C-alpha cells in the first residue's frame, strides 16, 4: 500500500470520529417491514413513508427506525397529534 493511500485511510478514520462533518440532505430507501416493503424518503428535513400510519400521523416505525440509525445526521419527523 502506498503512502498516499495510507494517508487517505488515516483521514477517513479521523473524519469518522467527527460526525458533525456530515449533513444528509436527501435519500430514499426501501424498508423491509414485517408485512410489506415501504418506500421511505427524506428531503431537506421532510420525511415521507408510504405506510398508512405515516399518512395519518406524520411519523411511523419505519421513519423512527431510520432516525435512530442516522441519529444526529437527520432532522426528526414531527408527529401529528391524534384527533380528539
N, C-alpha and C. Protein backbone atom coordinates (compact mmCIF):
# COMPACT_ATOMS: atom_id res chain seq x y z
N UNK A 1 0.86 -1.18 0.00
CA UNK A 1 0.00 0.00 0.00
C UNK A 1 0.90 1.23 0.00
N UNK A 2 0.56 2.20 -0.84
CA UNK A 2 1.41 3.39 -0.94
C UNK A 2 1.06 4.42 0.13
N UNK A 3 1.96 5.37 0.32
CA UNK A 3 1.81 6.38 1.37
C UNK A 3 0.56 7.23 1.16
N UNK A 4 0.23 7.53 -0.08
CA UNK A 4 -0.97 8.34 -0.34
C UNK A 4 -2.23 7.63 0.15
N UNK A 5 -2.32 6.31 -0.10
CA UNK A 5 -3.49 5.55 0.33
C UNK A 5 -3.53 5.47 1.86
N UNK A 6 -2.41 5.29 2.48
CA UNK A 6 -2.35 5.25 3.95
C UNK A 6 -2.84 6.57 4.52
N UNK A 7 -2.44 7.67 3.92
CA UNK A 7 -2.89 8.99 4.36
C UNK A 7 -4.41 9.14 4.23
N UNK A 8 -4.97 8.63 3.15
CA UNK A 8 -6.43 8.72 2.94
C UNK A 8 -7.17 7.87 3.96
N UNK A 9 -6.64 6.70 4.28
CA UNK A 9 -7.26 5.83 5.29
C UNK A 9 -7.22 6.51 6.66
N UNK A 10 -6.10 7.11 7.00
CA UNK A 10 -5.97 7.82 8.28
C UNK A 10 -6.96 8.99 8.35
N UNK A 11 -7.10 9.71 7.25
CA UNK A 11 -8.03 10.84 7.21
C UNK A 11 -9.47 10.34 7.36
N UNK A 12 -9.80 9.23 6.70
CA UNK A 12 -11.15 8.66 6.81
C UNK A 12 -11.44 8.25 8.25
N UNK A 13 -10.47 7.67 8.92
CA UNK A 13 -10.65 7.30 10.33
C UNK A 13 -10.89 8.54 11.19
N UNK A 14 -10.15 9.59 10.94
CA UNK A 14 -10.33 10.85 11.67
C UNK A 14 -11.73 11.41 11.41
N UNK A 15 -12.12 11.49 10.13
CA UNK A 15 -13.43 12.02 9.77
C UNK A 15 -14.56 11.21 10.41
N UNK A 16 -14.40 9.90 10.48
CA UNK A 16 -15.46 9.05 11.03
C UNK A 16 -15.69 9.31 12.52
N UNK A 17 -14.73 9.93 13.18
CA UNK A 17 -14.87 10.28 14.59
C UNK A 17 -15.48 11.67 14.77
N UNK A 18 -15.79 12.36 13.68
CA UNK A 18 -16.30 13.72 13.71
C UNK A 18 -17.62 13.80 12.93
N UNK A 19 -18.72 13.29 13.53
CA UNK A 19 -19.98 13.22 12.79
C UNK A 19 -20.54 14.58 12.38
N UNK A 20 -20.10 15.66 13.01
CA UNK A 20 -20.60 16.98 12.64
C UNK A 20 -20.13 17.40 11.25
N UNK A 21 -19.23 16.65 10.65
CA UNK A 21 -18.78 16.94 9.28
C UNK A 21 -19.83 16.53 8.25
N UNK A 22 -20.78 15.70 8.65
CA UNK A 22 -21.77 15.16 7.71
C UNK A 22 -23.11 15.84 7.87
N UNK A 23 -23.77 16.05 6.74
CA UNK A 23 -25.15 16.53 6.73
C UNK A 23 -25.84 15.78 5.60
N UNK A 24 -26.86 15.03 5.94
CA UNK A 24 -27.62 14.31 4.92
C UNK A 24 -28.72 15.23 4.42
N UNK A 25 -28.77 15.43 3.13
CA UNK A 25 -29.77 16.31 2.53
C UNK A 25 -30.98 15.55 2.03
N UNK A 26 -30.75 14.41 1.38
CA UNK A 26 -31.88 13.62 0.91
C UNK A 26 -31.45 12.19 0.63
N UNK A 27 -32.42 11.30 0.71
CA UNK A 27 -32.20 9.90 0.36
C UNK A 27 -33.55 9.22 0.23
N UNK A 28 -33.53 8.04 -0.37
CA UNK A 28 -34.71 7.19 -0.47
C UNK A 28 -34.28 5.76 -0.20
N UNK A 29 -35.05 5.06 0.63
CA UNK A 29 -34.73 3.68 0.96
C UNK A 29 -35.97 2.82 0.85
N UNK A 30 -35.76 1.54 0.65
CA UNK A 30 -36.83 0.56 0.77
C UNK A 30 -36.68 -0.09 2.13
N UNK A 31 -37.69 0.03 2.95
CA UNK A 31 -37.70 -0.54 4.30
C UNK A 31 -38.46 -1.85 4.24
N UNK A 32 -37.82 -2.94 4.59
CA UNK A 32 -38.46 -4.24 4.54
C UNK A 32 -39.20 -4.49 5.85
N UNK A 33 -40.49 -4.19 5.86
CA UNK A 33 -41.33 -4.36 7.04
C UNK A 33 -41.72 -5.82 7.22
N UNK A 34 -42.42 -6.10 8.32
CA UNK A 34 -42.86 -7.47 8.60
C UNK A 34 -43.87 -7.97 7.56
N UNK A 35 -44.71 -7.07 7.07
CA UNK A 35 -45.78 -7.48 6.16
C UNK A 35 -45.58 -6.98 4.73
N UNK A 36 -44.96 -5.80 4.59
CA UNK A 36 -44.77 -5.21 3.27
C UNK A 36 -43.47 -4.42 3.24
N UNK A 37 -42.97 -4.20 2.06
CA UNK A 37 -41.87 -3.25 1.89
C UNK A 37 -42.48 -1.85 1.82
N UNK A 38 -41.76 -0.87 2.36
CA UNK A 38 -42.23 0.51 2.34
C UNK A 38 -41.16 1.41 1.76
N UNK A 39 -41.59 2.42 1.03
CA UNK A 39 -40.68 3.41 0.48
C UNK A 39 -40.63 4.58 1.45
N UNK A 40 -39.43 4.86 1.95
CA UNK A 40 -39.22 5.96 2.89
C UNK A 40 -38.25 6.93 2.23
N UNK A 41 -38.57 8.22 2.33
CA UNK A 41 -37.67 9.22 1.77
C UNK A 41 -37.48 10.36 2.75
N UNK A 42 -36.40 11.07 2.56
CA UNK A 42 -36.04 12.24 3.37
C UNK A 42 -35.49 13.28 2.42
N UNK A 43 -36.05 14.49 2.49
CA UNK A 43 -35.59 15.56 1.60
C UNK A 43 -35.62 16.88 2.35
N UNK A 44 -34.46 17.42 2.60
CA UNK A 44 -34.31 18.73 3.26
C UNK A 44 -35.13 18.83 4.55
N UNK A 45 -35.05 17.80 5.37
CA UNK A 45 -35.73 17.81 6.66
C UNK A 45 -37.15 17.29 6.64
N UNK A 46 -37.66 16.93 5.47
CA UNK A 46 -39.03 16.44 5.35
C UNK A 46 -39.03 14.94 5.09
N UNK A 47 -39.74 14.21 5.94
CA UNK A 47 -39.85 12.75 5.81
C UNK A 47 -41.11 12.38 5.04
N UNK A 48 -41.08 11.20 4.42
CA UNK A 48 -42.27 10.61 3.81
C UNK A 48 -42.13 9.10 3.86
N UNK A 49 -43.23 8.44 4.19
CA UNK A 49 -43.31 6.98 4.12
C UNK A 49 -44.65 6.63 3.50
N UNK A 50 -44.68 5.57 2.72
CA UNK A 50 -45.92 5.22 2.03
C UNK A 50 -46.87 4.38 2.89
N UNK A 51 -46.55 4.16 4.17
CA UNK A 51 -47.45 3.37 5.01
C UNK A 51 -48.63 4.22 5.50
N UNK A 52 -49.73 3.56 5.84
CA UNK A 52 -50.95 4.25 6.26
C UNK A 52 -50.76 5.03 7.55
N UNK A 53 -49.98 4.49 8.49
CA UNK A 53 -49.79 5.18 9.77
C UNK A 53 -49.10 6.52 9.55
N UNK A 54 -48.08 6.54 8.70
CA UNK A 54 -47.40 7.81 8.42
C UNK A 54 -48.36 8.81 7.80
N UNK A 55 -49.21 8.35 6.90
CA UNK A 55 -50.15 9.26 6.23
C UNK A 55 -51.05 9.95 7.25
N UNK A 56 -51.40 9.23 8.31
CA UNK A 56 -52.30 9.80 9.32
C UNK A 56 -51.57 10.59 10.40
N UNK A 57 -50.34 10.18 10.75
CA UNK A 57 -49.68 10.74 11.92
C UNK A 57 -48.38 11.49 11.65
N UNK A 58 -47.84 11.39 10.45
CA UNK A 58 -46.62 12.12 10.12
C UNK A 58 -45.35 11.49 10.63
N UNK A 59 -45.46 10.33 11.23
CA UNK A 59 -44.32 9.56 11.72
C UNK A 59 -44.76 8.11 11.81
N UNK A 60 -43.83 7.19 11.74
CA UNK A 60 -44.16 5.76 11.82
C UNK A 60 -42.93 5.00 12.28
N UNK A 61 -43.09 3.72 12.52
CA UNK A 61 -41.97 2.90 12.99
C UNK A 61 -40.84 2.84 11.97
N UNK A 62 -41.18 2.92 10.69
CA UNK A 62 -40.15 2.85 9.65
C UNK A 62 -39.25 4.09 9.70
N UNK A 63 -39.89 5.26 9.79
CA UNK A 63 -39.13 6.52 9.89
C UNK A 63 -38.35 6.57 11.20
N UNK A 64 -38.99 6.18 12.32
CA UNK A 64 -38.31 6.23 13.61
C UNK A 64 -37.08 5.32 13.64
N UNK A 65 -37.16 4.18 12.97
CA UNK A 65 -36.02 3.27 12.90
C UNK A 65 -34.85 3.93 12.18
N UNK A 66 -35.14 4.55 11.04
CA UNK A 66 -34.08 5.21 10.27
C UNK A 66 -33.52 6.40 11.04
N UNK A 67 -34.38 7.15 11.72
CA UNK A 67 -33.90 8.26 12.55
C UNK A 67 -32.90 7.77 13.59
N UNK A 68 -33.19 6.64 14.20
CA UNK A 68 -32.28 6.08 15.23
C UNK A 68 -30.95 5.68 14.60
N UNK A 69 -31.00 5.07 13.44
CA UNK A 69 -29.77 4.65 12.75
C UNK A 69 -28.92 5.84 12.32
N UNK A 70 -29.58 6.94 11.97
CA UNK A 70 -28.87 8.12 11.48
C UNK A 70 -28.88 9.25 12.50
N UNK A 71 -28.94 8.90 13.75
CA UNK A 71 -29.04 9.87 14.84
C UNK A 71 -28.01 10.99 14.69
N UNK A 72 -28.51 12.21 14.74
CA UNK A 72 -27.65 13.38 14.63
C UNK A 72 -27.38 13.82 13.20
N UNK A 73 -27.76 13.02 12.23
CA UNK A 73 -27.49 13.34 10.83
C UNK A 73 -28.74 13.78 10.06
N UNK A 74 -29.92 13.56 10.66
CA UNK A 74 -31.18 13.94 10.02
C UNK A 74 -32.07 14.62 11.05
N UNK A 75 -33.01 15.41 10.57
CA UNK A 75 -34.00 16.05 11.44
C UNK A 75 -35.08 15.03 11.77
N UNK A 76 -35.55 15.00 13.02
CA UNK A 76 -36.62 14.05 13.36
C UNK A 76 -37.95 14.45 12.72
N UNK A 77 -38.77 13.45 12.45
CA UNK A 77 -40.10 13.70 11.90
C UNK A 77 -40.98 14.30 13.00
N UNK A 78 -41.92 15.12 12.60
CA UNK A 78 -42.85 15.73 13.56
C UNK A 78 -44.17 14.98 13.51
N UNK A 79 -44.54 14.41 14.63
CA UNK A 79 -45.80 13.65 14.71
C UNK A 79 -46.99 14.61 14.70
N UNK A 80 -48.05 14.16 14.06
CA UNK A 80 -49.31 14.89 14.06
C UNK A 80 -50.12 14.38 15.24
N UNK A 81 -50.65 15.28 16.10
CA UNK A 81 -51.43 14.80 17.25
C UNK A 81 -52.67 14.01 16.80
N UNK A 82 -53.05 13.06 17.63
CA UNK A 82 -54.26 12.29 17.35
C UNK A 82 -55.47 13.19 17.45
N UNK A 83 -56.44 13.03 16.57
CA UNK A 83 -57.66 13.83 16.67
C UNK A 83 -58.39 13.49 17.97
N UNK A 84 -59.07 14.48 18.51
CA UNK A 84 -59.80 14.28 19.77
C UNK A 84 -61.01 13.42 19.59
